[in-house]
Amino acid sequence: LLVAQNPVNHVALGDSAGLMHPDVALRH
């Protein structure tokens, strides 16, 4: 829950999706 509530973590997950998966990155 703490991870889910931290925007920094979501940004990091979006970054990890990479440019090949912009739909996944966008959701994060």
mmCIF file of all heavy atoms, coordinates in Angstrom:
data_MODEL
# 
_entry.id   MODEL 
# 
loop_
_atom_site.group_PDB 
_atom_site.id 
_atom_site.type_symbol 
_atom_site.label_atom_id 
_atom_site.label_alt_id 
_atom_site.label_comp_id 
_atom_site.label_asym_id 
_atom_site.label_entity_id 
_atom_site.label_seq_id 
_atom_site.pdbx_PDB_ins_code 
_atom_site.Cartn_x 
_atom_site.Cartn_y 
_atom_site.Cartn_z 
_atom_site.occupancy 
_atom_site.B_iso_or_equiv 
_atom_site.pdbx_formal_charge 
_atom_site.auth_seq_id 
_atom_site.auth_comp_id 
_atom_site.auth_asym_id 
_atom_site.auth_atom_id 
_atom_site.pdbx_PDB_model_num 
ATOM 1   N N   . LEU A 1 1  ? 0.829  -1.213 0.000   1.00 0.00 ? 1  LEU A N   1 
ATOM 2   C CA  . LEU A 1 1  ? 0.000  0.000  0.000   1.00 0.00 ? 1  LEU A CA  1 
ATOM 3   C C   . LEU A 1 1  ? 0.860  1.259  0.000   1.00 0.00 ? 1  LEU A C   1 
ATOM 4   O O   . LEU A 1 1  ? 0.558  2.232  -0.688  1.00 0.00 ? 1  LEU A O   1 
ATOM 5   C CB  . LEU A 1 1  ? -0.923 -0.004 1.222   1.00 0.00 ? 1  LEU A CB  1 
ATOM 6   C CG  . LEU A 1 1  ? -2.090 -1.008 1.188   1.00 0.00 ? 1  LEU A CG  1 
ATOM 7   C CD1 . LEU A 1 1  ? -2.809 -1.041 2.524   1.00 0.00 ? 1  LEU A CD1 1 
ATOM 8   C CD2 . LEU A 1 1  ? -3.058 -0.629 0.065   1.00 0.00 ? 1  LEU A CD2 1 
ATOM 9   N N   . LEU A 1 2  ? 1.939  1.224  0.760   1.00 0.00 ? 2  LEU A N   1 
ATOM 10  C CA  . LEU A 1 2  ? 2.842  2.376  0.791   1.00 0.00 ? 2  LEU A CA  1 
ATOM 11  C C   . LEU A 1 2  ? 3.486  2.618  -0.563  1.00 0.00 ? 2  LEU A C   1 
ATOM 12  O O   . LEU A 1 2  ? 3.636  3.759  -1.015  1.00 0.00 ? 2  LEU A O   1 
ATOM 13  C CB  . LEU A 1 2  ? 3.920  2.161  1.864   1.00 0.00 ? 2  LEU A CB  1 
ATOM 14  C CG  . LEU A 1 2  ? 3.441  2.224  3.311   1.00 0.00 ? 2  LEU A CG  1 
ATOM 15  C CD1 . LEU A 1 2  ? 4.579  1.844  4.258   1.00 0.00 ? 2  LEU A CD1 1 
ATOM 16  C CD2 . LEU A 1 2  ? 2.920  3.623  3.646   1.00 0.00 ? 2  LEU A CD2 1 
ATOM 17  N N   . VAL A 1 3  ? 3.869  1.532  -1.220  1.00 0.00 ? 3  VAL A N   1 
ATOM 18  C CA  . VAL A 1 3  ? 4.455  1.643  -2.555  1.00 0.00 ? 3  VAL A CA  1 
ATOM 19  C C   . VAL A 1 3  ? 3.432  2.218  -3.529  1.00 0.00 ? 3  VAL A C   1 
ATOM 20  O O   . VAL A 1 3  ? 3.729  3.110  -4.324  1.00 0.00 ? 3  VAL A O   1 
ATOM 21  C CB  . VAL A 1 3  ? 4.953  0.268  -3.042  1.00 0.00 ? 3  VAL A CB  1 
ATOM 22  C CG1 . VAL A 1 3  ? 5.310  0.327  -4.523  1.00 0.00 ? 3  VAL A CG1 1 
ATOM 23  C CG2 . VAL A 1 3  ? 6.154  -0.177 -2.220  1.00 0.00 ? 3  VAL A CG2 1 
ATOM 24  N N   . ALA A 1 4  ? 2.190  1.719  -3.441  1.00 0.00 ? 4  ALA A N   1 
ATOM 25  C CA  . ALA A 1 4  ? 1.139  2.154  -4.361  1.00 0.00 ? 4  ALA A CA  1 
ATOM 26  C C   . ALA A 1 4  ? 0.797  3.621  -4.173  1.00 0.00 ? 4  ALA A C   1 
ATOM 27  O O   . ALA A 1 4  ? 0.364  4.295  -5.112  1.00 0.00 ? 4  ALA A O   1 
ATOM 28  C CB  . ALA A 1 4  ? -0.103 1.290  -4.172  1.00 0.00 ? 4  ALA A CB  1 
ATOM 29  N N   . GLN A 1 5  ? 0.983  4.130  -2.947  1.00 0.00 ? 5  GLN A N   1 
ATOM 30  C CA  . GLN A 1 5  ? 0.623  5.514  -2.652  1.00 0.00 ? 5  GLN A CA  1 
ATOM 31  C C   . GLN A 1 5  ? 1.765  6.490  -2.890  1.00 0.00 ? 5  GLN A C   1 
ATOM 32  O O   . GLN A 1 5  ? 1.617  7.677  -2.645  1.00 0.00 ? 5  GLN A O   1 
ATOM 33  C CB  . GLN A 1 5  ? 0.138  5.607  -1.198  1.00 0.00 ? 5  GLN A CB  1 
ATOM 34  C CG  . GLN A 1 5  ? -1.185 4.893  -0.954  1.00 0.00 ? 5  GLN A CG  1 
ATOM 35  C CD  . GLN A 1 5  ? -1.553 4.825  0.504   1.00 0.00 ? 5  GLN A CD  1 
ATOM 36  O OE1 . GLN A 1 5  ? -0.828 5.317  1.373   1.00 0.00 ? 5  GLN A OE1 1 
ATOM 37  N NE2 . GLN A 1 5  ? -2.696 4.208  0.802   1.00 0.00 ? 5  GLN A NE2 1 
ATOM 38  N N   . ASN A 1 6  ? 2.873  6.012  -3.353  1.00 0.00 ? 6  ASN A N   1 
ATOM 39  C CA  . ASN A 1 6  ? 4.038  6.860  -3.584  1.00 0.00 ? 6  ASN A CA  1 
ATOM 40  C C   . ASN A 1 6  ? 4.161  7.151  -5.079  1.00 0.00 ? 6  ASN A C   1 
ATOM 41  O O   . ASN A 1 6  ? 4.446  6.239  -5.865  1.00 0.00 ? 6  ASN A O   1 
ATOM 42  C CB  . ASN A 1 6  ? 5.297  6.160  -3.070  1.00 0.00 ? 6  ASN A CB  1 
ATOM 43  C CG  . ASN A 1 6  ? 6.506  7.072  -3.101  1.00 0.00 ? 6  ASN A CG  1 
ATOM 44  O OD1 . ASN A 1 6  ? 6.563  8.043  -3.862  1.00 0.00 ? 6  ASN A OD1 1 
ATOM 45  N ND2 . ASN A 1 6  ? 7.485  6.775  -2.264  1.00 0.00 ? 6  ASN A ND2 1 
ATOM 46  N N   . PRO A 1 7  ? 3.977  8.408  -5.512  1.00 0.00 ? 7  PRO A N   1 
ATOM 47  C CA  . PRO A 1 7  ? 4.047  8.713  -6.952  1.00 0.00 ? 7  PRO A CA  1 
ATOM 48  C C   . PRO A 1 7  ? 5.421  8.434  -7.552  1.00 0.00 ? 7  PRO A C   1 
ATOM 49  O O   . PRO A 1 7  ? 5.535  8.090  -8.730  1.00 0.00 ? 7  PRO A O   1 
ATOM 50  C CB  . PRO A 1 7  ? 3.701  10.198 -7.013  1.00 0.00 ? 7  PRO A CB  1 
ATOM 51  C CG  . PRO A 1 7  ? 3.973  10.731 -5.648  1.00 0.00 ? 7  PRO A CG  1 
ATOM 52  C CD  . PRO A 1 7  ? 3.666  9.606  -4.707  1.00 0.00 ? 7  PRO A CD  1 
ATOM 53  N N   . VAL A 1 8  ? 6.463  8.548  -6.742  1.00 0.00 ? 8  VAL A N   1 
ATOM 54  C CA  . VAL A 1 8  ? 7.822  8.299  -7.239  1.00 0.00 ? 8  VAL A CA  1 
ATOM 55  C C   . VAL A 1 8  ? 7.950  6.854  -7.705  1.00 0.00 ? 8  VAL A C   1 
ATOM 56  O O   . VAL A 1 8  ? 8.582  6.565  -8.732  1.00 0.00 ? 8  VAL A O   1 
ATOM 57  C CB  . VAL A 1 8  ? 8.866  8.612  -6.152  1.00 0.00 ? 8  VAL A CB  1 
ATOM 58  C CG1 . VAL A 1 8  ? 10.266 8.211  -6.615  1.00 0.00 ? 8  VAL A CG1 1 
ATOM 59  C CG2 . VAL A 1 8  ? 8.834  10.093 -5.809  1.00 0.00 ? 8  VAL A CG2 1 
ATOM 60  N N   . ASN A 1 9  ? 7.326  5.952  -6.968  1.00 0.00 ? 9  ASN A N   1 
ATOM 61  C CA  . ASN A 1 9  ? 7.385  4.542  -7.352  1.00 0.00 ? 9  ASN A CA  1 
ATOM 62  C C   . ASN A 1 9  ? 6.660  4.297  -8.669  1.00 0.00 ? 9  ASN A C   1 
ATOM 63  O O   . ASN A 1 9  ? 7.118  3.516  -9.511  1.00 0.00 ? 9  ASN A O   1 
ATOM 64  C CB  . ASN A 1 9  ? 6.778  3.671  -6.254  1.00 0.00 ? 9  ASN A CB  1 
ATOM 65  C CG  . ASN A 1 9  ? 7.612  3.659  -4.989  1.00 0.00 ? 9  ASN A CG  1 
ATOM 66  O OD1 . ASN A 1 9  ? 8.829  3.769  -5.045  1.00 0.00 ? 9  ASN A OD1 1 
ATOM 67  N ND2 . ASN A 1 9  ? 6.959  3.555  -3.844  1.00 0.00 ? 9  ASN A ND2 1 
ATOM 68  N N   . HIS A 1 10 ? 5.523  4.953  -8.854  1.00 0.00 ? 10 HIS A N   1 
ATOM 69  C CA  . HIS A 1 10 ? 4.792  4.789  -10.103 1.00 0.00 ? 10 HIS A CA  1 
ATOM 70  C C   . HIS A 1 10 ? 5.593  5.350  -11.289 1.00 0.00 ? 10 HIS A C   1 
ATOM 71  O O   . HIS A 1 10 ? 5.588  4.768  -12.374 1.00 0.00 ? 10 HIS A O   1 
ATOM 72  C CB  . HIS A 1 10 ? 3.432  5.475  -10.008 1.00 0.00 ? 10 HIS A CB  1 
ATOM 73  C CG  . HIS A 1 10 ? 2.405  4.694  -9.249  1.00 0.00 ? 10 HIS A CG  1 
ATOM 74  N ND1 . HIS A 1 10 ? 1.946  3.468  -9.677  1.00 0.00 ? 10 HIS A ND1 1 
ATOM 75  C CD2 . HIS A 1 10 ? 1.768  4.954  -8.086  1.00 0.00 ? 10 HIS A CD2 1 
ATOM 76  C CE1 . HIS A 1 10 ? 1.052  3.011  -8.818  1.00 0.00 ? 10 HIS A CE1 1 
ATOM 77  N NE2 . HIS A 1 10 ? 0.935  3.885  -7.840  1.00 0.00 ? 10 HIS A NE2 1 
ATOM 78  N N   . VAL A 1 11 ? 6.254  6.470  -11.071 1.00 0.00 ? 11 VAL A N   1 
ATOM 79  C CA  . VAL A 1 11 ? 7.089  7.035  -12.140 1.00 0.00 ? 11 VAL A CA  1 
ATOM 80  C C   . VAL A 1 11 ? 8.205  6.067  -12.496 1.00 0.00 ? 11 VAL A C   1 
ATOM 81  O O   . VAL A 1 11 ? 8.503  5.834  -13.680 1.00 0.00 ? 11 VAL A O   1 
ATOM 82  C CB  . VAL A 1 11 ? 7.662  8.407  -11.720 1.00 0.00 ? 11 VAL A CB  1 
ATOM 83  C CG1 . VAL A 1 11 ? 8.721  8.873  -12.736 1.00 0.00 ? 11 VAL A CG1 1 
ATOM 84  C CG2 . VAL A 1 11 ? 6.552  9.438  -11.612 1.00 0.00 ? 11 VAL A CG2 1 
ATOM 85  N N   . ALA A 1 12 ? 8.813  5.466  -11.467 1.00 0.00 ? 12 ALA A N   1 
ATOM 86  C CA  . ALA A 1 12 ? 9.889  4.503  -11.721 1.00 0.00 ? 12 ALA A CA  1 
ATOM 87  C C   . ALA A 1 12 ? 9.370  3.297  -12.493 1.00 0.00 ? 12 ALA A C   1 
ATOM 88  O O   . ALA A 1 12 ? 10.046 2.791  -13.404 1.00 0.00 ? 12 ALA A O   1 
ATOM 89  C CB  . ALA A 1 12 ? 10.516 4.058  -10.400 1.00 0.00 ? 12 ALA A CB  1 
ATOM 90  N N   . LEU A 1 13 ? 8.171  2.841  -12.152 1.00 0.00 ? 13 LEU A N   1 
ATOM 91  C CA  . LEU A 1 13 ? 7.584  1.719  -12.886 1.00 0.00 ? 13 LEU A CA  1 
ATOM 92  C C   . LEU A 1 13 ? 7.284  2.117  -14.329 1.00 0.00 ? 13 LEU A C   1 
ATOM 93  O O   . LEU A 1 13 ? 7.466  1.316  -15.260 1.00 0.00 ? 13 LEU A O   1 
ATOM 94  C CB  . LEU A 1 13 ? 6.303  1.250  -12.182 1.00 0.00 ? 13 LEU A CB  1 
ATOM 95  C CG  . LEU A 1 13 ? 6.504  0.515  -10.855 1.00 0.00 ? 13 LEU A CG  1 
ATOM 96  C CD1 . LEU A 1 13 ? 5.168  0.337  -10.139 1.00 0.00 ? 13 LEU A CD1 1 
ATOM 97  C CD2 . LEU A 1 13 ? 7.174  -0.837 -11.087 1.00 0.00 ? 13 LEU A CD2 1 
ATOM 98  N N   . GLY A 1 14 ? 6.822  3.337  -14.534 1.00 0.00 ? 14 GLY A N   1 
ATOM 99  C CA  . GLY A 1 14 ? 6.588  3.818  -15.893 1.00 0.00 ? 14 GLY A CA  1 
ATOM 100 C C   . GLY A 1 14 ? 7.877  3.869  -16.694 1.00 0.00 ? 14 GLY A C   1 
ATOM 101 O O   . GLY A 1 14 ? 7.918  3.462  -17.864 1.00 0.00 ? 14 GLY A O   1 
ATOM 102 N N   . ASP A 1 15 ? 8.939  4.343  -16.057 1.00 0.00 ? 15 ASP A N   1 
ATOM 103 C CA  . ASP A 1 15 ? 10.238 4.397  -16.723 1.00 0.00 ? 15 ASP A CA  1 
ATOM 104 C C   . ASP A 1 15 ? 10.710 2.993  -17.117 1.00 0.00 ? 15 ASP A C   1 
ATOM 105 O O   . ASP A 1 15 ? 11.293 2.796  -18.200 1.00 0.00 ? 15 ASP A O   1 
ATOM 106 C CB  . ASP A 1 15 ? 11.281 5.040  -15.813 1.00 0.00 ? 15 ASP A CB  1 
ATOM 107 C CG  . ASP A 1 15 ? 11.014 6.511  -15.541 1.00 0.00 ? 15 ASP A CG  1 
ATOM 108 O OD1 . ASP A 1 15 ? 10.154 7.107  -16.233 1.00 0.00 ? 15 ASP A OD1 1 
ATOM 109 O OD2 . ASP A 1 15 ? 11.654 7.064  -14.631 1.00 0.00 ? 15 ASP A OD2 1 
ATOM 110 N N   . SER A 1 16 ? 10.464 2.037  -16.257 1.00 0.00 ? 16 SER A N   1 
ATOM 111 C CA  . SER A 1 16 ? 10.946 0.679  -16.514 1.00 0.00 ? 16 SER A CA  1 
ATOM 112 C C   . SER A 1 16 ? 10.211 0.027  -17.681 1.00 0.00 ? 16 SER A C   1 
ATOM 113 O O   . SER A 1 16 ? 10.717 -0.929 -18.273 1.00 0.00 ? 16 SER A O   1 
ATOM 114 C CB  . SER A 1 16 ? 10.802 -0.184 -15.254 1.00 0.00 ? 16 SER A CB  1 
ATOM 115 O OG  . SER A 1 16 ? 9.436  -0.419 -14.946 1.00 0.00 ? 16 SER A OG  1 
ATOM 116 N N   . ALA A 1 17 ? 9.011  0.528  -18.007 1.00 0.00 ? 17 ALA A N   1 
ATOM 117 C CA  . ALA A 1 17 ? 8.265  -0.031 -19.146 1.00 0.00 ? 17 ALA A CA  1 
ATOM 118 C C   . ALA A 1 17 ? 8.971  0.258  -20.458 1.00 0.00 ? 17 ALA A C   1 
ATOM 119 O O   . ALA A 1 17 ? 8.857  -0.502 -21.420 1.00 0.00 ? 17 ALA A O   1 
ATOM 120 C CB  . ALA A 1 17 ? 6.839  0.517  -19.166 1.00 0.00 ? 17 ALA A CB  1 
ATOM 121 N N   . GLY A 1 18 ? 9.707  1.365  -20.512 1.00 0.00 ? 18 GLY A N   1 
ATOM 122 C CA  . GLY A 1 18 ? 10.478 1.698  -21.708 1.00 0.00 ? 18 GLY A CA  1 
ATOM 123 C C   . GLY A 1 18 ? 9.623  2.252  -22.831 1.00 0.00 ? 18 GLY A C   1 
ATOM 124 O O   . GLY A 1 18 ? 8.387  2.260  -22.784 1.00 0.00 ? 18 GLY A O   1 
ATOM 125 N N   . LEU A 1 19 ? 10.307 2.722  -23.880 1.00 0.00 ? 19 LEU A N   1 
ATOM 126 C CA  . LEU A 1 19 ? 9.637  3.355  -25.014 1.00 0.00 ? 19 LEU A CA  1 
ATOM 127 C C   . LEU A 1 19 ? 8.919  2.359  -25.909 1.00 0.00 ? 19 LEU A C   1 
ATOM 128 O O   . LEU A 1 19 ? 8.114  2.754  -26.755 1.00 0.00 ? 19 LEU A O   1 
ATOM 129 C CB  . LEU A 1 19 ? 10.655 4.152  -25.840 1.00 0.00 ? 19 LEU A CB  1 
ATOM 130 C CG  . LEU A 1 19 ? 11.336 5.313  -25.110 1.00 0.00 ? 19 LEU A CG  1 
ATOM 131 C CD1 . LEU A 1 19 ? 12.357 5.977  -26.026 1.00 0.00 ? 19 LEU A CD1 1 
ATOM 132 C CD2 . LEU A 1 19 ? 10.328 6.329  -24.615 1.00 0.00 ? 19 LEU A CD2 1 
ATOM 133 N N   . MET A 1 20 ? 9.176  1.076  -25.711 1.00 0.00 ? 20 MET A N   1 
ATOM 134 C CA  . MET A 1 20 ? 8.484  0.068  -26.510 1.00 0.00 ? 20 MET A CA  1 
ATOM 135 C C   . MET A 1 20 ? 7.086  -0.231 -25.981 1.00 0.00 ? 20 MET A C   1 
ATOM 136 O O   . MET A 1 20 ? 6.281  -0.857 -26.663 1.00 0.00 ? 20 MET A O   1 
ATOM 137 C CB  . MET A 1 20 ? 9.303  -1.221 -26.553 1.00 0.00 ? 20 MET A CB  1 
ATOM 138 C CG  . MET A 1 20 ? 10.621 -1.094 -27.299 1.00 0.00 ? 20 MET A CG  1 
ATOM 139 S SD  . MET A 1 20 ? 10.405 -0.807 -29.071 1.00 0.00 ? 20 MET A SD  1 
ATOM 140 C CE  . MET A 1 20 ? 9.938  -2.455 -29.619 1.00 0.00 ? 20 MET A CE  1 
ATOM 141 N N   . HIS A 1 21 ? 6.797  0.242  -24.768 1.00 0.00 ? 21 HIS A N   1 
ATOM 142 C CA  . HIS A 1 21 ? 5.492  -0.038 -24.160 1.00 0.00 ? 21 HIS A CA  1 
ATOM 143 C C   . HIS A 1 21 ? 4.906  1.251  -23.565 1.00 0.00 ? 21 HIS A C   1 
ATOM 144 O O   . HIS A 1 21 ? 4.697  1.342  -22.341 1.00 0.00 ? 21 HIS A O   1 
ATOM 145 C CB  . HIS A 1 21 ? 5.622  -1.115 -23.090 1.00 0.00 ? 21 HIS A CB  1 
ATOM 146 C CG  . HIS A 1 21 ? 6.220  -2.395 -23.593 1.00 0.00 ? 21 HIS A CG  1 
ATOM 147 N ND1 . HIS A 1 21 ? 5.500  -3.296 -24.354 1.00 0.00 ? 21 HIS A ND1 1 
ATOM 148 C CD2 . HIS A 1 21 ? 7.467  -2.906 -23.459 1.00 0.00 ? 21 HIS A CD2 1 
ATOM 149 C CE1 . HIS A 1 21 ? 6.278  -4.313 -24.666 1.00 0.00 ? 21 HIS A CE1 1 
ATOM 150 N NE2 . HIS A 1 21 ? 7.473  -4.108 -24.144 1.00 0.00 ? 21 HIS A NE2 1 
ATOM 151 N N   . PRO A 1 22 ? 4.633  2.239  -24.387 1.00 0.00 ? 22 PRO A N   1 
ATOM 152 C CA  . PRO A 1 22 ? 4.144  3.515  -23.859 1.00 0.00 ? 22 PRO A CA  1 
ATOM 153 C C   . PRO A 1 22 ? 2.785  3.413  -23.180 1.00 0.00 ? 22 PRO A C   1 
ATOM 154 O O   . PRO A 1 22 ? 2.482  4.206  -22.283 1.00 0.00 ? 22 PRO A O   1 
ATOM 155 C CB  . PRO A 1 22 ? 4.079  4.415  -25.096 1.00 0.00 ? 22 PRO A CB  1 
ATOM 156 C CG  . PRO A 1 22 ? 3.956  3.470  -26.250 1.00 0.00 ? 22 PRO A CG  1 
ATOM 157 C CD  . PRO A 1 22 ? 4.768  2.282  -25.859 1.00 0.00 ? 22 PRO A CD  1 
ATOM 158 N N   . ASP A 1 23 ? 1.969  2.445  -23.582 1.00 0.00 ? 23 ASP A N   1 
ATOM 159 C CA  . ASP A 1 23 ? 0.664  2.280  -22.932 1.00 0.00 ? 23 ASP A CA  1 
ATOM 160 C C   . ASP A 1 23 ? 0.833  1.867  -21.473 1.00 0.00 ? 23 ASP A C   1 
ATOM 161 O O   . ASP A 1 23 ? 0.126  2.371  -20.590 1.00 0.00 ? 23 ASP A O   1 
ATOM 162 C CB  . ASP A 1 23 ? -0.178 1.256  -23.689 1.00 0.00 ? 23 ASP A CB  1 
ATOM 163 C CG  . ASP A 1 23 ? 0.525  -0.081 -23.889 1.00 0.00 ? 23 ASP A CG  1 
ATOM 164 O OD1 . ASP A 1 23 ? 1.778  -0.112 -23.905 1.00 0.00 ? 23 ASP A OD1 1 
ATOM 165 O OD2 . ASP A 1 23 ? -0.188 -1.101 -24.035 1.00 0.00 ? 23 ASP A OD2 1 
ATOM 166 N N   . VAL A 1 24 ? 1.776  0.963  -21.222 1.00 0.00 ? 24 VAL A N   1 
ATOM 167 C CA  . VAL A 1 24 ? 2.059  0.538  -19.855 1.00 0.00 ? 24 VAL A CA  1 
ATOM 168 C C   . VAL A 1 24 ? 2.654  1.696  -19.056 1.00 0.00 ? 24 VAL A C   1 
ATOM 169 O O   . VAL A 1 24 ? 2.251  1.972  -17.918 1.00 0.00 ? 24 VAL A O   1 
ATOM 170 C CB  . VAL A 1 24 ? 3.021  -0.659 -19.837 1.00 0.00 ? 24 VAL A CB  1 
ATOM 171 C CG1 . VAL A 1 24 ? 3.377  -1.051 -18.402 1.00 0.00 ? 24 VAL A CG1 1 
ATOM 172 C CG2 . VAL A 1 24 ? 2.402  -1.850 -20.583 1.00 0.00 ? 24 VAL A CG2 1 
ATOM 173 N N   . ALA A 1 25 ? 3.614  2.394  -19.663 1.00 0.00 ? 25 ALA A N   1 
ATOM 174 C CA  . ALA A 1 25 ? 4.238  3.532  -18.994 1.00 0.00 ? 25 ALA A CA  1 
ATOM 175 C C   . ALA A 1 25 ? 3.197  4.588  -18.642 1.00 0.00 ? 25 ALA A C   1 
ATOM 176 O O   . ALA A 1 25 ? 3.196  5.140  -17.536 1.00 0.00 ? 25 ALA A O   1 
ATOM 177 C CB  . ALA A 1 25 ? 5.320  4.132  -19.892 1.00 0.00 ? 25 ALA A CB  1 
ATOM 178 N N   . LEU A 1 26 ? 2.293  4.860  -19.575 1.00 0.00 ? 26 LEU A N   1 
ATOM 179 C CA  . LEU A 1 26 ? 1.271  5.882  -19.349 1.00 0.00 ? 26 LEU A CA  1 
ATOM 180 C C   . LEU A 1 26 ? 0.404  5.550  -18.144 1.00 0.00 ? 26 LEU A C   1 
ATOM 181 O O   . LEU A 1 26 ? 0.080  6.435  -17.342 1.00 0.00 ? 26 LEU A O   1 
ATOM 182 C CB  . LEU A 1 26 ? 0.414  6.044  -20.608 1.00 0.00 ? 26 LEU A CB  1 
ATOM 183 C CG  . LEU A 1 26 ? -0.735 7.049  -20.519 1.00 0.00 ? 26 LEU A CG  1 
ATOM 184 C CD1 . LEU A 1 26 ? -0.205 8.450  -20.229 1.00 0.00 ? 26 LEU A CD1 1 
ATOM 185 C CD2 . LEU A 1 26 ? -1.560 7.035  -21.808 1.00 0.00 ? 26 LEU A CD2 1 
ATOM 186 N N   . ARG A 1 27 ? 0.024  4.297  -18.004 1.00 0.00 ? 27 ARG A N   1 
ATOM 187 C CA  . ARG A 1 27 ? -0.819 3.921  -16.867 1.00 0.00 ? 27 ARG A CA  1 
ATOM 188 C C   . ARG A 1 27 ? -0.124 4.215  -15.539 1.00 0.00 ? 27 ARG A C   1 
ATOM 189 O O   . ARG A 1 27 ? -0.749 4.685  -14.588 1.00 0.00 ? 27 ARG A O   1 
ATOM 190 C CB  . ARG A 1 27 ? -1.195 2.439  -16.951 1.00 0.00 ? 27 ARG A CB  1 
ATOM 191 C CG  . ARG A 1 27 ? -2.211 2.131  -18.041 1.00 0.00 ? 27 ARG A CG  1 
ATOM 192 C CD  . ARG A 1 27 ? -2.849 0.770  -17.825 1.00 0.00 ? 27 ARG A CD  1 
ATOM 193 N NE  . ARG A 1 27 ? -1.906 -0.329 -17.979 1.00 0.00 ? 27 ARG A NE  1 
ATOM 194 C CZ  . ARG A 1 27 ? -1.646 -0.929 -19.142 1.00 0.00 ? 27 ARG A CZ  1 
ATOM 195 N NH1 . ARG A 1 27 ? -2.234 -0.503 -20.255 1.00 0.00 ? 27 ARG A NH1 1 
ATOM 196 N NH2 . ARG A 1 27 ? -0.789 -1.943 -19.198 1.00 0.00 ? 27 ARG A NH2 1 
ATOM 197 N N   . HIS A 1 28 ? 1.176  3.969  -15.473 1.00 0.00 ? 28 HIS A N   1 
ATOM 198 C CA  . HIS A 1 28 ? 1.904  4.242  -14.242 1.00 0.00 ? 28 HIS A CA  1 
ATOM 199 C C   . HIS A 1 28 ? 2.040  5.743  -13.996 1.00 0.00 ? 28 HIS A C   1 
ATOM 200 O O   . HIS A 1 28 ? 1.884  6.210  -12.857 1.00 0.00 ? 28 HIS A O   1 
ATOM 201 C CB  . HIS A 1 28 ? 3.278  3.585  -14.287 1.00 0.00 ? 28 HIS A CB  1 
ATOM 202 C CG  . HIS A 1 28 ? 3.238  2.100  -14.112 1.00 0.00 ? 28 HIS A CG  1 
ATOM 203 N ND1 . HIS A 1 28 ? 2.796  1.507  -12.950 1.00 0.00 ? 28 HIS A ND1 1 
ATOM 204 C CD2 . HIS A 1 28 ? 3.565  1.071  -14.949 1.00 0.00 ? 28 HIS A CD2 1 
ATOM 205 C CE1 . HIS A 1 28 ? 2.858  0.191  -13.063 1.00 0.00 ? 28 HIS A CE1 1 
ATOM 206 N NE2 . HIS A 1 28 ? 3.324  -0.100 -14.276 1.00 0.00 ? 28 HIS A NE2 1 
# 
